Amino acid sequence: MIRYLALDEADRMLDIGFEPQIRKIVEQVDMPPAGARQTMRLASDFLSNYIFLAVGRMGSGTDLIVQRVEYVQESDKTSHLMDLLHA
């Protein structure tokens, strides 16, 4: 039932050698054909009528991003998310 498949940083994944894994996912028997879904990545052999979107300058800004992993009990996820958004 996949209608959209988004692979963030797909060009980077291809650069570091993940093409076989990406190809395996995209070409599985139970995946809709390219005309029935829109697969957005830079490798044109999987695309039909794609759009490339870049926000900001390519390659810049990674020093401005902070990633944090927090373990939260399932029952507390909504309130924790709201606390983060309000902060």
Protein backbone atom coordinates (compact mmCIF):
# COMPACT_ATOMS: atom_id res chain seq x y z
CA MET A 1 0.00 0.00 0.00
CA ILE A 2 2.98 2.33 -0.48
CA ARG A 3 2.19 5.50 -2.38
CA TYR A 4 5.24 7.58 -1.48
CA LEU A 5 8.76 6.44 -0.69
CA ALA A 6 11.08 9.13 0.67
CA LEU A 7 14.76 8.31 1.14
CA ASP A 8 16.40 11.18 2.97
CA GLU A 9 20.04 11.66 1.97
CA ALA A 10 19.68 9.05 -0.78
CA ASP A 11 22.51 10.60 -2.79
CA ARG A 12 24.79 10.18 0.22
CA MET A 13 23.63 6.59 0.69
CA LEU A 14 24.54 5.91 -2.94
CA ASP A 15 27.93 7.58 -2.48
CA ILE A 16 28.84 5.29 0.42
CA GLY A 17 27.76 2.10 -1.32
CA PHE A 18 24.16 1.39 -0.34
CA GLU A 19 22.90 1.05 -3.93
CA PRO A 20 22.28 -2.73 -3.66
CA GLN A 21 20.14 -2.25 -0.55
CA ILE A 22 18.20 0.68 -2.04
CA ARG A 23 17.66 -1.25 -5.27
CA LYS A 24 16.42 -4.28 -3.28
CA ILE A 25 13.85 -2.14 -1.45
CA VAL A 26 12.63 -0.30 -4.55
CA GLU A 27 12.47 -3.33 -6.82
CA GLN A 28 10.71 -5.75 -4.45
CA VAL A 29 7.78 -7.67 -5.88
CA ASP A 30 5.30 -6.10 -3.46
CA MET A 31 6.35 -2.49 -4.24
CA PRO A 32 4.12 -0.58 -6.64
CA PRO A 33 5.73 0.12 -10.02
CA ALA A 34 7.37 3.51 -10.62
CA GLY A 35 4.27 4.88 -12.37
CA ALA A 36 2.02 4.03 -9.41
CA ARG A 37 4.27 5.66 -6.79
CA GLN A 38 6.68 8.56 -6.75
CA THR A 39 10.14 7.60 -5.55
CA MET A 40 12.21 10.69 -4.83
CA ARG A 41 15.97 10.22 -5.11
CA LEU A 42 18.70 11.39 -7.39
CA ALA A 43 19.23 8.13 -9.27
CA SER A 44 17.03 8.62 -12.31
CA ASP A 45 16.62 4.90 -13.06
CA PHE A 46 14.05 4.69 -10.21
CA LEU A 47 12.23 7.95 -10.97
CA SER A 48 9.32 9.16 -12.99
CA ASN A 49 8.77 12.90 -13.13
CA TYR A 50 10.79 13.71 -9.98
CA ILE A 51 11.54 16.99 -8.21
CA PHE A 52 14.81 17.82 -6.45
CA LEU A 53 14.36 20.18 -3.51
CA ALA A 54 17.22 21.80 -1.64
CA VAL A 55 16.72 24.08 1.34
CA GLY A 56 19.64 26.34 2.19
CA ARG A 57 23.11 25.86 0.82
CA MET A 58 24.07 22.27 0.07
CA GLY A 59 26.64 20.94 2.53
CA SER A 60 26.38 23.85 4.93
CA GLY A 61 24.62 24.07 8.22
CA THR A 62 25.45 20.64 9.62
CA ASP A 63 27.38 22.33 12.38
CA LEU A 64 24.15 24.10 13.35
CA ILE A 65 22.19 20.88 13.85
CA VAL A 66 22.07 19.18 17.22
CA GLN A 67 20.76 15.61 17.36
CA ARG A 68 19.58 14.21 20.66
CA VAL A 69 18.16 10.78 21.47
CA GLU A 70 15.82 10.49 24.42
CA TYR A 71 14.20 7.34 25.77
CA VAL A 72 10.58 7.97 26.71
CA GLN A 73 7.99 5.50 27.93
CA GLU A 74 5.21 4.91 25.40
CA SER A 75 2.61 6.42 27.72
CA ASP A 76 4.68 9.62 28.16
CA LYS A 77 5.51 10.32 24.50
CA THR A 78 2.76 12.84 23.80
CA SER A 79 3.40 14.93 26.90
CA HIS A 80 7.17 14.77 26.36
CA LEU A 81 6.77 15.94 22.76
CA MET A 82 4.57 18.82 23.89
CA ASP A 83 7.15 19.81 26.49
CA LEU A 84 9.85 19.87 23.81
CA LEU A 85 7.69 21.91 21.45
CA HIS A 86 6.84 24.45 24.15
CA ALA A 87 10.50 24.77 25.14
